[in-house]
Amino acid sequence: MSSRLDSKTQIWRLAADLGLRASPSPSRSIRDLAIKRIKVIATKFQCTNLTTLLSAVAAEMGTTFVEIHSDDDLRRIQAEYVGKGEKAFANLDDELRGAGDFAITIRRIRGEPWEPPFVSAIDCRGGKQYRSYFSKWHELAHLLTLTPQMRLVFRRTHSEAAIHDPEEQLMDAIAADGGFLRDFIATHPDSAISFDRIQQIKEECCPEASTQAATIGIVKALPLPCILVEAKLALRKHERVGMQQLALAIAEIAPSPVLRAVQVTVNEAAREAGVSFHRQWRVPSSSVIARVFAEGGPAKATEDLSWWTTSDGSRLEPCAVVVEARKGWDSVQALLLPQI
């Protein structure tokens, strides 16, 4: 992500507004600044877990979280703050109407001097409840990177328009950094890593987080090399483009989707060990991932990264990996643990 973001003018401008020294990787500099601020807060408030860290950062950044669990909650919160002269809350129902609108932070204009200057409304209705933990950290990411130019005034997060916005993508990265800060991930370098162990860490460290977000965040924070893969039937990029252009093509000549690694998370420990992995590569037919997709699972096996190849003959460097795979509805999630 960083390399893509580093080419965006918006990210360079944000780094400059934050007073950061010019760098080939402004996105990394901004993330490092946010992490440094989070760690200072953790020390100041003597935080012992990610739950207390979330509360401490919110307090230090001057925001109050209000959770919306029902339409009645929404109307009550609107009435409360509009009654206090905060007219921006009159549009709260519109701002959180979309399926992809998860949260919004509003700067108060009528608050008392002792009250936090911001309110972060977190939509927990229906399926949005599973994103509430990440949504809170996304809002905090904006406040952690607030500039003298007051970039954040009335911010909607995770909306359809924001998905491709470079700054919103960077806030997601900062949210993942803070929400699953390595200092608070309770694991030991010698402990065995598995989906069960990751779930245990989640319950110990960040029970409010969704299973999906926690799994990705914890894998990134692990001190041992680890790769998280989601595999499902998919076309290659040029095949997807071709299908769009030939939407009326007859089925006999249309390309067929095959099992591919559509989402990949390679943690820092793996990268430091020289291990690489790539999205969209075809899952080897001999892999336990392919077997679990076809037959169900879970299952575990020892394999080699060199099994992964592309149509042009490219392949990953040889490296023994323990693979644990489990079947989802239309995909397989797998942990690949390099034996280094």
C-alpha atoms as a PDB file:
ATOM      1  CA  MET A   1       0.000   0.000   0.000  1.00  0.00           C
ATOM      2  CA  SER A   2       2.712   2.457   0.960  1.00  0.00           C
ATOM      3  CA  SER A   3       4.349   2.530  -2.465  1.00  0.00           C
ATOM      4  CA  ARG A   4       1.022   3.395  -4.115  1.00  0.00           C
ATOM      5  CA  LEU A   5       0.217   6.075  -1.565  1.00  0.00           C
ATOM      6  CA  ASP A   6       3.672   7.627  -1.775  1.00  0.00           C
ATOM      7  CA  SER A   7       2.966   8.720  -5.338  1.00  0.00           C
ATOM      8  CA  LYS A   8      -0.123  10.703  -4.301  1.00  0.00           C
ATOM      9  CA  THR A   9       0.109  14.484  -3.973  1.00  0.00           C
ATOM     10  CA  GLN A  10      -2.455  14.372  -1.163  1.00  0.00           C
ATOM     11  CA  ILE A  11      -0.105  12.279   0.993  1.00  0.00           C
ATOM     12  CA  TRP A  12       2.909  14.499   0.320  1.00  0.00           C
ATOM     13  CA  ARG A  13       0.838  17.544   1.274  1.00  0.00           C
ATOM     14  CA  LEU A  14      -0.331  15.917   4.502  1.00  0.00           C
ATOM     15  CA  ALA A  15       3.250  15.041   5.457  1.00  0.00           C
ATOM     16  CA  ALA A  16       4.350  18.617   4.787  1.00  0.00           C
ATOM     17  CA  ASP A  17       1.434  20.053   6.781  1.00  0.00           C
ATOM     18  CA  LEU A  18       2.443  17.827   9.698  1.00  0.00           C
ATOM     19  CA  GLY A  19       5.937  19.316   9.568  1.00  0.00           C
ATOM     20  CA  LEU A  20       7.600  16.057   8.593  1.00  0.00           C
ATOM     21  CA  ARG A  21      10.952  16.039   6.823  1.00  0.00           C
ATOM     22  CA  ALA A  22      10.827  15.243   3.125  1.00  0.00           C
ATOM     23  CA  SER A  23      11.093  11.503   2.550  1.00  0.00           C
ATOM     24  CA  PRO A  24      10.739   9.063  -0.359  1.00  0.00           C
ATOM     25  CA  SER A  25       8.021   7.391   1.736  1.00  0.00           C
ATOM     26  CA  PRO A  26       5.795  10.095   3.247  1.00  0.00           C
ATOM     27  CA  SER A  27       3.100   7.550   4.093  1.00  0.00           C
ATOM     28  CA  ARG A  28       5.567   5.632   6.266  1.00  0.00           C
ATOM     29  CA  SER A  29       6.658   8.864   7.950  1.00  0.00           C
ATOM     30  CA  ILE A  30       3.053   9.747   8.763  1.00  0.00           C
ATOM     31  CA  ARG A  31       2.359   6.267  10.129  1.00  0.00           C
ATOM     32  CA  ASP A  32       5.516   6.392  12.243  1.00  0.00           C
ATOM     33  CA  LEU A  33       4.444   9.761  13.653  1.00  0.00           C
ATOM     34  CA  ALA A  34       1.022   8.380  14.578  1.00  0.00           C
ATOM     35  CA  ILE A  35       2.526   5.266  16.193  1.00  0.00           C
ATOM     36  CA  LYS A  36       4.955   7.403  18.172  1.00  0.00           C
ATOM     37  CA  ARG A  37       2.065   9.518  19.480  1.00  0.00           C
ATOM     38  CA  ILE A  38       0.082   6.410  20.400  1.00  0.00           C
ATOM     39  CA  LYS A  39       3.013   4.947  22.327  1.00  0.00           C
ATOM     40  CA  VAL A  40       3.529   8.196  24.222  1.00  0.00           C
ATOM     41  CA  ILE A  41      -0.137   8.116  25.223  1.00  0.00           C
ATOM     42  CA  ALA A  42       0.131   4.455  26.224  1.00  0.00           C
ATOM     43  CA  THR A  43       2.998   5.313  28.561  1.00  0.00           C
ATOM     44  CA  LYS A  44       1.284   8.415  29.936  1.00  0.00           C
ATOM     45  CA  PHE A  45      -1.897   6.530  30.843  1.00  0.00           C
ATOM     46  CA  GLN A  46      -0.080   3.296  31.780  1.00  0.00           C
ATOM     47  CA  CYS A  47      -2.214   1.283  29.377  1.00  0.00           C
ATOM     48  CA  THR A  48      -2.114  -2.484  29.870  1.00  0.00           C
ATOM     49  CA  ASN A  49      -4.187  -3.674  26.910  1.00  0.00           C
ATOM     50  CA  LEU A  50      -5.665  -2.494  23.623  1.00  0.00           C
ATOM     51  CA  THR A  51      -9.028  -1.680  25.200  1.00  0.00           C
ATOM     52  CA  THR A  52      -7.534   0.803  27.653  1.00  0.00           C
ATOM     53  CA  LEU A  53      -5.277   2.124  24.899  1.00  0.00           C
ATOM     54  CA  LEU A  54      -8.308   2.921  22.724  1.00  0.00           C
ATOM     55  CA  SER A  55      -9.920   4.879  25.547  1.00  0.00           C
ATOM     56  CA  ALA A  56      -6.702   6.698  26.385  1.00  0.00           C
ATOM     57  CA  VAL A  57      -6.038   7.795  22.797  1.00  0.00           C
ATOM     58  CA  ALA A  58      -9.637   8.987  22.456  1.00  0.00           C
ATOM     59  CA  ALA A  59      -9.318  11.046  25.639  1.00  0.00           C
ATOM     60  CA  GLU A  60      -5.967  12.524  24.602  1.00  0.00           C
ATOM     61  CA  MET A  61      -7.225  13.343  21.111  1.00  0.00           C
ATOM     62  CA  GLY A  62     -10.286  15.079  22.538  1.00  0.00           C
ATOM     63  CA  THR A  63     -13.122  12.963  21.253  1.00  0.00           C
ATOM     64  CA  THR A  64     -16.083  11.161  22.754  1.00  0.00           C
ATOM     65  CA  PHE A  65     -17.357   7.953  21.153  1.00  0.00           C
ATOM     66  CA  VAL A  66     -21.127   7.646  20.858  1.00  0.00           C
ATOM     67  CA  GLU A  67     -22.308   4.260  19.620  1.00  0.00           C
ATOM     68  CA  ILE A  68     -25.471   3.975  17.550  1.00  0.00           C
ATOM     69  CA  HIS A  69     -27.082   0.548  17.943  1.00  0.00           C
ATOM     70  CA  SER A  70     -30.576   1.398  16.678  1.00  0.00           C
ATOM     71  CA  ASP A  71     -32.533   4.031  14.804  1.00  0.00           C
ATOM     72  CA  ASP A  72     -33.840   5.201  18.174  1.00  0.00           C
ATOM     73  CA  ASP A  73     -30.233   5.728  19.320  1.00  0.00           C
ATOM     74  CA  LEU A  74     -29.586   7.810  16.218  1.00  0.00           C
ATOM     75  CA  ARG A  75     -32.625  10.022  16.774  1.00  0.00           C
ATOM     76  CA  ARG A  76     -31.788  10.443  20.465  1.00  0.00           C
ATOM     77  CA  ILE A  77     -28.175  11.467  19.720  1.00  0.00           C
ATOM     78  CA  GLN A  78     -29.330  13.868  17.005  1.00  0.00           C
ATOM     79  CA  ALA A  79     -31.857  15.491  19.315  1.00  0.00           C
ATOM     80  CA  GLU A  80     -29.356  15.729  22.184  1.00  0.00           C
ATOM     81  CA  TYR A  81     -26.634  17.508  20.236  1.00  0.00           C
ATOM     82  CA  VAL A  82     -28.899  19.625  18.054  1.00  0.00           C
ATOM     83  CA  GLY A  83     -30.513  20.754  21.286  1.00  0.00           C
ATOM     84  CA  LYS A  84     -27.073  21.875  22.436  1.00  0.00           C
ATOM     85  CA  GLY A  85     -26.672  23.995  19.330  1.00  0.00           C
ATOM     86  CA  GLU A  86     -24.612  21.501  17.308  1.00  0.00           C
ATOM     87  CA  LYS A  87     -26.402  21.887  13.970  1.00  0.00           C
ATOM     88  CA  ALA A  88     -24.083  19.485  12.142  1.00  0.00           C
ATOM     89  CA  PHE A  89     -25.793  16.601  13.936  1.00  0.00           C
ATOM     90  CA  ALA A  90     -29.025  17.363  12.090  1.00  0.00           C
ATOM     91  CA  ASN A  91     -27.539  15.543   9.080  1.00  0.00           C
ATOM     92  CA  LEU A  92     -26.274  12.540  11.034  1.00  0.00           C
ATOM     93  CA  ASP A  93     -28.882  10.165   9.626  1.00  0.00           C
ATOM     94  CA  ASP A  94     -27.913  11.094   6.060  1.00  0.00           C
ATOM     95  CA  GLU A  95     -24.190  10.801   6.775  1.00  0.00           C
ATOM     96  CA  LEU A  96     -24.603   7.252   8.125  1.00  0.00           C
ATOM     97  CA  ARG A  97     -27.311   6.123   5.727  1.00  0.00           C
ATOM     98  CA  GLY A  98     -25.171   4.132   3.298  1.00  0.00           C
ATOM     99  CA  ALA A  99     -24.105   0.533   3.824  1.00  0.00           C
ATOM    100  CA  GLY A 100     -20.487   1.704   3.635  1.00  0.00           C
ATOM    101  CA  ASP A 101     -20.853   4.669   6.004  1.00  0.00           C
ATOM    102  CA  PHE A 102     -19.518   3.445   9.343  1.00  0.00           C
ATOM    103  CA  ALA A 103     -18.549   6.507  11.357  1.00  0.00           C
ATOM    104  CA  ILE A 104     -18.173  10.263  11.391  1.00  0.00           C
ATOM    105  CA  THR A 105     -16.299  12.712  13.608  1.00  0.00           C
ATOM    106  CA  ILE A 106     -17.834  16.134  14.164  1.00  0.00           C
ATOM    107  CA  ARG A 107     -16.096  19.148  15.675  1.00  0.00           C
ATOM    108  CA  ARG A 108     -18.302  20.753  18.295  1.00  0.00           C
ATOM    109  CA  ILE A 109     -18.922  24.498  18.083  1.00  0.00           C
ATOM    110  CA  ARG A 110     -21.077  24.940  21.200  1.00  0.00           C
ATOM    111  CA  GLY A 111     -19.312  22.691  23.681  1.00  0.00           C
ATOM    112  CA  GLU A 112     -18.354  23.755  27.183  1.00  0.00           C
ATOM    113  CA  PRO A 113     -14.638  24.463  27.789  1.00  0.00           C
ATOM    114  CA  TRP A 114     -14.244  21.260  29.808  1.00  0.00           C
ATOM    115  CA  GLU A 115     -15.912  19.050  27.185  1.00  0.00           C
ATOM    116  CA  PRO A 116     -14.009  17.190  24.433  1.00  0.00           C
ATOM    117  CA  PRO A 117     -13.990  19.258  21.234  1.00  0.00           C
ATOM    118  CA  PHE A 118     -14.999  16.314  19.035  1.00  0.00           C
ATOM    119  CA  VAL A 119     -17.716  13.682  18.951  1.00  0.00           C
ATOM    120  CA  SER A 120     -17.146  10.477  16.988  1.00  0.00           C
ATOM    121  CA  ALA A 121     -20.427   8.779  16.084  1.00  0.00           C
ATOM    122  CA  ILE A 122     -19.919   5.050  15.461  1.00  0.00           C
ATOM    123  CA  ASP A 123     -22.664   3.238  13.577  1.00  0.00           C
ATOM    124  CA  CYS A 124     -23.149  -0.190  15.192  1.00  0.00           C
ATOM    125  CA  ARG A 125     -26.471  -1.040  13.558  1.00  0.00           C
ATOM    126  CA  GLY A 126     -26.799  -4.418  11.885  1.00  0.00           C
ATOM    127  CA  GLY A 127     -23.638  -5.756  10.305  1.00  0.00           C
ATOM    128  CA  LYS A 128     -21.832  -2.474  10.954  1.00  0.00           C
ATOM    129  CA  GLN A 129     -21.304  -3.567  14.555  1.00  0.00           C
ATOM    130  CA  TYR A 130     -18.501  -5.851  13.387  1.00  0.00           C
ATOM    131  CA  ARG A 131     -16.524  -2.835  12.139  1.00  0.00           C
ATOM    132  CA  SER A 132     -17.023  -0.673  15.233  1.00  0.00           C
ATOM    133  CA  TYR A 133     -13.569  -1.286  16.725  1.00  0.00           C
ATOM    134  CA  PHE A 134     -11.802  -0.491  13.468  1.00  0.00           C
ATOM    135  CA  SER A 135     -14.106   2.476  12.829  1.00  0.00           C
ATOM    136  CA  LYS A 136     -13.118   3.988  16.192  1.00  0.00           C
ATOM    137  CA  TRP A 137      -9.428   3.663  15.362  1.00  0.00           C
ATOM    138  CA  HIS A 138     -10.021   5.128  11.905  1.00  0.00           C
ATOM    139  CA  GLU A 139     -11.534   8.211  13.508  1.00  0.00           C
ATOM    140  CA  LEU A 140      -8.601   8.421  15.915  1.00  0.00           C
ATOM    141  CA  ALA A 141      -6.201   8.148  12.975  1.00  0.00           C
ATOM    142  CA  HIS A 142      -7.671  11.366  11.560  1.00  0.00           C
ATOM    143  CA  LEU A 143      -7.255  13.105  14.907  1.00  0.00           C
ATOM    144  CA  LEU A 144      -3.711  11.796  15.354  1.00  0.00           C
ATOM    145  CA  THR A 145      -2.812  13.373  12.006  1.00  0.00           C
ATOM    146  CA  LEU A 146      -4.801  16.568  12.449  1.00  0.00           C
ATOM    147  CA  THR A 147      -2.828  19.495  11.059  1.00  0.00           C
ATOM    148  CA  PRO A 148      -2.798  23.222  11.837  1.00  0.00           C
ATOM    149  CA  GLN A 149      -4.811  23.607   8.629  1.00  0.00           C
ATOM    150  CA  MET A 150      -7.639  21.769  10.446  1.00  0.00           C
ATOM    151  CA  ARG A 151      -8.010  19.169   7.717  1.00  0.00           C
ATOM    152  CA  LEU A 152     -10.669  17.323   9.700  1.00  0.00           C
ATOM    153  CA  VAL A 153     -13.878  19.266  10.211  1.00  0.00           C
ATOM    154  CA  PHE A 154     -16.701  16.981   9.160  1.00  0.00           C
ATOM    155  CA  ARG A 155     -15.382  13.596   8.161  1.00  0.00           C
ATOM    156  CA  ARG A 156     -17.221  10.531   6.956  1.00  0.00           C
ATOM    157  CA  THR A 157     -15.281   7.282   6.918  1.00  0.00           C
ATOM    158  CA  HIS A 158     -15.523   4.118   4.850  1.00  0.00           C
ATOM    159  CA  SER A 159     -18.048   5.676   2.460  1.00  0.00           C
ATOM    160  CA  GLU A 160     -18.055   4.580  -1.153  1.00  0.00           C
ATOM    161  CA  ALA A 161     -16.389   7.838  -2.193  1.00  0.00           C
ATOM    162  CA  ALA A 162     -13.642   7.327   0.392  1.00  0.00           C
ATOM    163  CA  ILE A 163     -12.613   3.825  -0.640  1.00  0.00           C
ATOM    164  CA  HIS A 164     -10.140   5.096  -3.251  1.00  0.00           C
ATOM    165  CA  ASP A 165      -9.183   8.294  -1.431  1.00  0.00           C
ATOM    166  CA  PRO A 166      -5.436   8.160  -0.600  1.00  0.00           C
ATOM    167  CA  GLU A 167      -5.831   9.882   2.756  1.00  0.00           C
ATOM    168  CA  GLU A 168      -8.647   7.541   3.804  1.00  0.00           C
ATOM    169  CA  GLN A 169      -6.525   4.546   2.806  1.00  0.00           C
ATOM    170  CA  LEU A 170      -3.680   5.893   4.910  1.00  0.00           C
ATOM    171  CA  MET A 171      -6.044   6.352   7.869  1.00  0.00           C
ATOM    172  CA  ASP A 172      -7.024   2.695   7.513  1.00  0.00           C
ATOM    173  CA  ALA A 173      -3.346   1.748   7.736  1.00  0.00           C
ATOM    174  CA  ILE A 174      -2.866   3.877  10.849  1.00  0.00           C
ATOM    175  CA  ALA A 175      -6.035   2.382  12.356  1.00  0.00           C
ATOM    176  CA  ALA A 176      -4.583  -1.087  11.870  1.00  0.00           C
ATOM    177  CA  ASP A 177      -1.255   0.014  13.389  1.00  0.00           C
ATOM    178  CA  GLY A 178      -2.917   1.406  16.503  1.00  0.00           C
ATOM    179  CA  GLY A 179      -5.751  -1.063  16.857  1.00  0.00           C
ATOM    180  CA  PHE A 180      -3.352  -3.995  16.875  1.00  0.00           C
ATOM    181  CA  LEU A 181      -0.225  -2.370  18.259  1.00  0.00           C
ATOM    182  CA  ARG A 182       2.486  -4.976  18.551  1.00  0.00           C
ATOM    183  CA  ASP A 183       3.380  -3.912  22.100  1.00  0.00           C
ATOM    184  CA  PHE A 184      -0.017  -5.170  23.293  1.00  0.00           C
ATOM    185  CA  ILE A 185      -0.296  -8.389  21.294  1.00  0.00           C
ATOM    186  CA  ALA A 186       0.189 -11.054  23.953  1.00  0.00           C
ATOM    187  CA  THR A 187       2.271 -13.742  22.297  1.00  0.00           C
ATOM    188  CA  HIS A 188       5.719 -15.232  22.680  1.00  0.00           C
ATOM    189  CA  PRO A 189       8.279 -15.801  19.909  1.00  0.00           C
ATOM    190  CA  ASP A 190       8.336 -19.509  20.724  1.00  0.00           C
ATOM    191  CA  SER A 191       4.562 -20.014  20.888  1.00  0.00           C
ATOM    192  CA  ALA A 192       2.872 -21.998  18.123  1.00  0.00           C
ATOM    193  CA  ILE A 193       0.749 -19.904  15.780  1.00  0.00           C
ATOM    194  CA  SER A 194      -2.632 -21.180  14.629  1.00  0.00           C
ATOM    195  CA  PHE A 195      -6.107 -19.822  13.989  1.00  0.00           C
ATOM    196  CA  ASP A 196      -7.093 -20.978  17.477  1.00  0.00           C
ATOM    197  CA  ARG A 197      -4.156 -19.114  19.014  1.00  0.00           C
ATOM    198  CA  ILE A 198      -4.993 -15.970  17.040  1.00  0.00           C
ATOM    199  CA  GLN A 199      -8.587 -16.160  18.293  1.00  0.00           C
ATOM    200  CA  GLN A 200      -7.277 -16.527  21.846  1.00  0.00           C
ATOM    201  CA  ILE A 201      -5.061 -13.451  21.403  1.00  0.00           C
ATOM    202  CA  LYS A 202      -8.064 -11.533  20.059  1.00  0.00           C
ATOM    203  CA  GLU A 203     -10.179 -12.373  23.108  1.00  0.00           C
ATOM    204  CA  GLU A 204      -7.324 -11.406  25.429  1.00  0.00           C
ATOM    205  CA  CYS A 205      -6.230  -8.208  23.703  1.00  0.00           C
ATOM    206  CA  CYS A 206      -9.050  -6.742  21.614  1.00  0.00           C
ATOM    207  CA  PRO A 207     -12.384  -8.533  22.156  1.00  0.00           C
ATOM    208  CA  GLU A 208     -14.302  -5.688  20.504  1.00  0.00           C
ATOM    209  CA  ALA A 209     -12.542  -6.186  17.159  1.00  0.00           C
ATOM    210  CA  SER A 210     -14.120  -8.270  14.411  1.00  0.00           C
ATOM    211  CA  THR A 211     -12.598 -11.677  13.763  1.00  0.00           C
ATOM    212  CA  GLN A 212     -11.523 -10.674  10.254  1.00  0.00           C
ATOM    213  CA  ALA A 213      -9.836  -7.429  11.284  1.00  0.00           C
ATOM    214  CA  ALA A 214      -8.240  -9.034  14.337  1.00  0.00           C
ATOM    215  CA  THR A 215      -6.856 -11.934  12.327  1.00  0.00           C
ATOM    216  CA  ILE A 216      -5.180  -9.571   9.850  1.00  0.00           C
ATOM    217  CA  GLY A 217      -3.962  -7.200  12.568  1.00  0.00           C
ATOM    218  CA  ILE A 218      -2.578  -9.926  14.809  1.00  0.00           C
ATOM    219  CA  VAL A 219      -0.788 -11.649  11.920  1.00  0.00           C
ATOM    220  CA  LYS A 220       0.897  -8.334  11.091  1.00  0.00           C
ATOM    221  CA  ALA A 221       2.013  -7.924  14.720  1.00  0.00           C
ATOM    222  CA  LEU A 222       3.308 -11.453  15.263  1.00  0.00           C
ATOM    223  CA  PRO A 223       7.038 -11.727  16.021  1.00  0.00           C
ATOM    224  CA  LEU A 224       7.285 -14.901  13.918  1.00  0.00           C
ATOM    225  CA  PRO A 225       7.150 -14.987  10.095  1.00  0.00           C
ATOM    226  CA  CYS A 226       3.568 -15.532   8.985  1.00  0.00           C
ATOM    227  CA  ILE A 227       1.519 -15.147   5.816  1.00  0.00           C
ATOM    228  CA  LEU A 228      -2.275 -14.922   5.792  1.00  0.00           C
ATOM    229  CA  VAL A 229      -3.981 -15.903   2.547  1.00  0.00           C
ATOM    230  CA  GLU A 230      -7.584 -15.807   1.414  1.00  0.00           C
ATOM    231  CA  ALA A 231      -8.144 -17.964  -1.653  1.00  0.00           C
ATOM    232  CA  LYS A 232     -11.250 -18.043  -3.818  1.00  0.00           C
ATOM    233  CA  LEU A 233     -12.249 -18.586  -7.427  1.00  0.00           C
ATOM    234  CA  ALA A 234     -11.166 -15.568  -9.445  1.00  0.00           C
ATOM    235  CA  LEU A 235      -9.972 -14.416 -12.845  1.00  0.00           C
ATOM    236  CA  ARG A 236      -6.651 -12.747 -13.558  1.00  0.00           C
ATOM    237  CA  LYS A 237      -6.791  -8.967 -14.001  1.00  0.00           C
ATOM    238  CA  HIS A 238      -6.550  -9.019 -17.774  1.00  0.00           C
ATOM    239  CA  GLU A 239      -9.235 -11.720 -17.883  1.00  0.00           C
ATOM    240  CA  ARG A 240     -11.564  -9.573 -15.760  1.00  0.00           C
ATOM    241  CA  VAL A 241     -11.008  -6.639 -18.123  1.00  0.00           C
ATOM    242  CA  GLY A 242     -11.663  -8.916 -21.075  1.00  0.00           C
ATOM    243  CA  MET A 243     -14.898 -10.144 -19.581  1.00  0.00           C
ATOM    244  CA  GLN A 244     -16.077  -6.592 -19.061  1.00  0.00           C
ATOM    245  CA  GLN A 245     -15.304  -5.760 -22.664  1.00  0.00           C
ATOM    246  CA  LEU A 246     -16.917  -8.952 -23.930  1.00  0.00           C
ATOM    247  CA  ALA A 247     -19.890  -9.100 -21.612  1.00  0.00           C
ATOM    248  CA  LEU A 248     -21.928 -10.801 -24.308  1.00  0.00           C
ATOM    249  CA  ALA A 249     -19.285 -13.398 -25.153  1.00  0.00           C
ATOM    250  CA  ILE A 250     -20.597 -16.938 -25.393  1.00  0.00           C
ATOM    251  CA  ALA A 251     -19.798 -19.213 -22.468  1.00  0.00           C
ATOM    252  CA  GLU A 252     -17.638 -21.533 -24.591  1.00  0.00           C
ATOM    253  CA  ILE A 253     -14.911 -18.896 -25.021  1.00  0.00           C
ATOM    254  CA  ALA A 254     -15.244 -17.106 -21.686  1.00  0.00           C
ATOM    255  CA  PRO A 255     -12.325 -17.680 -19.287  1.00  0.00           C
ATOM    256  CA  SER A 256     -13.083 -19.779 -16.219  1.00  0.00           C
ATOM    257  CA  PRO A 257     -12.118 -18.556 -12.747  1.00  0.00           C
ATOM    258  CA  VAL A 258      -9.581 -20.622 -10.850  1.00  0.00           C
ATOM    259  CA  LEU A 259      -8.583 -20.749  -7.194  1.00  0.00           C
ATOM    260  CA  ARG A 260      -6.291 -17.788  -6.489  1.00  0.00           C
ATOM    261  CA  ALA A 261      -4.788 -15.976  -3.512  1.00  0.00           C
ATOM    262  CA  VAL A 262      -7.060 -12.933  -3.735  1.00  0.00           C
ATOM    263  CA  GLN A 263      -5.977 -11.373  -0.407  1.00  0.00           C
ATOM    264  CA  VAL A 264      -2.477 -11.694   1.060  1.00  0.00           C
ATOM    265  CA  THR A 265      -0.941 -10.354   4.278  1.00  0.00           C
ATOM    266  CA  VAL A 266       2.818 -10.863   4.702  1.00  0.00           C
ATOM    267  CA  ASN A 267       3.914  -9.729   8.142  1.00  0.00           C
ATOM    268  CA  GLU A 268       7.039  -7.711   8.875  1.00  0.00           C
ATOM    269  CA  ALA A 269       8.851 -10.678  10.426  1.00  0.00           C
ATOM    270  CA  ALA A 270       8.408 -12.625   7.181  1.00  0.00           C
ATOM    271  CA  ARG A 271       9.595  -9.734   5.012  1.00  0.00           C
ATOM    272  CA  GLU A 272      12.639  -9.243   7.226  1.00  0.00           C
ATOM    273  CA  ALA A 273      13.430 -12.932   6.750  1.00  0.00           C
ATOM    274  CA  GLY A 274      13.337 -12.469   2.971  1.00  0.00           C
ATOM    275  CA  VAL A 275      10.023 -14.249   2.423  1.00  0.00           C
ATOM    276  CA  SER A 276       7.739 -12.880  -0.277  1.00  0.00           C
ATOM    277  CA  PHE A 277       4.285 -13.770  -1.545  1.00  0.00           C
ATOM    278  CA  HIS A 278       1.994 -12.335  -4.203  1.00  0.00           C
ATOM    279  CA  ARG A 279      -1.700 -11.710  -4.721  1.00  0.00           C
ATOM    280  CA  GLN A 280      -3.596 -13.342  -7.566  1.00  0.00           C
ATOM    281  CA  TRP A 281      -1.212 -16.266  -7.902  1.00  0.00           C
ATOM    282  CA  ARG A 282      -2.934 -19.551  -8.643  1.00  0.00           C
ATOM    283  CA  VAL A 283      -3.192 -21.985  -5.732  1.00  0.00           C
ATOM    284  CA  PRO A 284      -1.169 -25.151  -6.475  1.00  0.00           C
ATOM    285  CA  SER A 285      -3.423 -28.146  -7.030  1.00  0.00           C
ATOM    286  CA  SER A 286      -1.203 -30.124  -4.629  1.00  0.00           C
ATOM    287  CA  SER A 287      -1.712 -27.613  -1.786  1.00  0.00           C
ATOM    288  CA  VAL A 288      -3.913 -28.389   1.186  1.00  0.00           C
ATOM    289  CA  ILE A 289      -5.619 -25.070   0.390  1.00  0.00           C
ATOM    290  CA  ALA A 290      -6.995 -26.543  -2.850  1.00  0.00           C
ATOM    291  CA  ARG A 291      -8.057 -29.720  -1.048  1.00  0.00           C
ATOM    292  CA  VAL A 292      -9.888 -27.818   1.681  1.00  0.00           C
ATOM    293  CA  PHE A 293     -11.638 -25.672  -0.926  1.00  0.00           C
ATOM    294  CA  ALA A 294     -12.871 -28.795  -2.722  1.00  0.00           C
ATOM    295  CA  GLU A 295     -13.568 -31.072   0.234  1.00  0.00           C
ATOM    296  CA  GLY A 296     -13.925 -28.831   3.270  1.00  0.00           C
ATOM    297  CA  GLY A 297     -11.725 -28.614   6.309  1.00  0.00           C
ATOM    298  CA  PRO A 298      -9.885 -27.580   8.375  1.00  0.00           C
ATOM    299  CA  ALA A 299      -6.641 -29.302   7.482  1.00  0.00           C
ATOM    300  CA  LYS A 300      -2.912 -28.843   7.953  1.00  0.00           C
ATOM    301  CA  ALA A 301       0.146 -29.832   5.901  1.00  0.00           C
ATOM    302  CA  THR A 302       3.811 -29.057   5.327  1.00  0.00           C
ATOM    303  CA  GLU A 303       4.466 -27.634   1.872  1.00  0.00           C
ATOM    304  CA  ASP A 304       6.987 -25.467   0.004  1.00  0.00           C
ATOM    305  CA  LEU A 305       6.546 -21.944  -1.336  1.00  0.00           C
ATOM    306  CA  SER A 306       8.248 -23.008  -4.566  1.00  0.00           C
ATOM    307  CA  TRP A 307       5.045 -24.855  -5.432  1.00  0.00           C
ATOM    308  CA  TRP A 308       3.484 -21.473  -6.201  1.00  0.00           C
ATOM    309  CA  THR A 309       4.063 -20.556  -9.845  1.00  0.00           C
ATOM    310  CA  THR A 310       2.596 -18.299 -12.529  1.00  0.00           C
ATOM    311  CA  SER A 311       1.594 -19.086 -16.111  1.00  0.00           C
ATOM    312  CA  ASP A 312       4.881 -17.621 -17.359  1.00  0.00           C
ATOM    313  CA  GLY A 313       6.938 -19.972 -15.164  1.00  0.00           C
ATOM    314  CA  SER A 314       7.796 -17.566 -12.343  1.00  0.00           C
ATOM    315  CA  ARG A 315       7.894 -19.206  -8.939  1.00  0.00           C
ATOM    316  CA  LEU A 316       8.520 -18.297  -5.325  1.00  0.00           C
ATOM    317  CA  GLU A 317      11.843 -19.068  -3.702  1.00  0.00           C
ATOM    318  CA  PRO A 318      12.012 -22.490  -2.010  1.00  0.00           C
ATOM    319  CA  CYS A 319      10.949 -22.320   1.629  1.00  0.00           C
ATOM    320  CA  ALA A 320       9.249 -24.965   3.739  1.00  0.00           C
ATOM    321  CA  VAL A 321       5.943 -23.740   5.196  1.00  0.00           C
ATOM    322  CA  VAL A 322       3.415 -25.235   7.556  1.00  0.00           C
ATOM    323  CA  VAL A 323      -0.018 -24.499   6.073  1.00  0.00           C
ATOM    324  CA  GLU A 324      -3.209 -24.435   8.137  1.00  0.00           C
ATOM    325  CA  ALA A 325      -6.342 -24.000   6.023  1.00  0.00           C
ATOM    326  CA  ARG A 326      -9.994 -23.609   6.916  1.00  0.00           C
ATOM    327  CA  LYS A 327     -13.041 -23.352   4.664  1.00  0.00           C
ATOM    328  CA  GLY A 328     -15.328 -20.354   4.588  1.00  0.00           C
ATOM    329  CA  TRP A 329     -18.501 -19.892   2.609  1.00  0.00           C
ATOM    330  CA  ASP A 330     -16.904 -19.360  -0.805  1.00  0.00           C
ATOM    331  CA  SER A 331     -13.224 -19.165   0.103  1.00  0.00           C
ATOM    332  CA  VAL A 332     -10.397 -20.687   2.101  1.00  0.00           C
ATOM    333  CA  GLN A 333      -8.416 -18.811   4.710  1.00  0.00           C
ATOM    334  CA  ALA A 334      -4.908 -20.122   5.289  1.00  0.00           C
ATOM    335  CA  LEU A 335      -1.941 -19.440   7.546  1.00  0.00           C
ATOM    336  CA  LEU A 336       1.453 -20.100   5.982  1.00  0.00           C
ATOM    337  CA  LEU A 337       4.221 -20.359   8.564  1.00  0.00           C
ATOM    338  CA  PRO A 338       7.714 -20.291   7.005  1.00  0.00           C
ATOM    339  CA  GLN A 339      10.061 -22.725   8.749  1.00  0.00           C
ATOM    340  CA  ILE A 340      13.096 -20.457   9.002  1.00  0.00           C
END
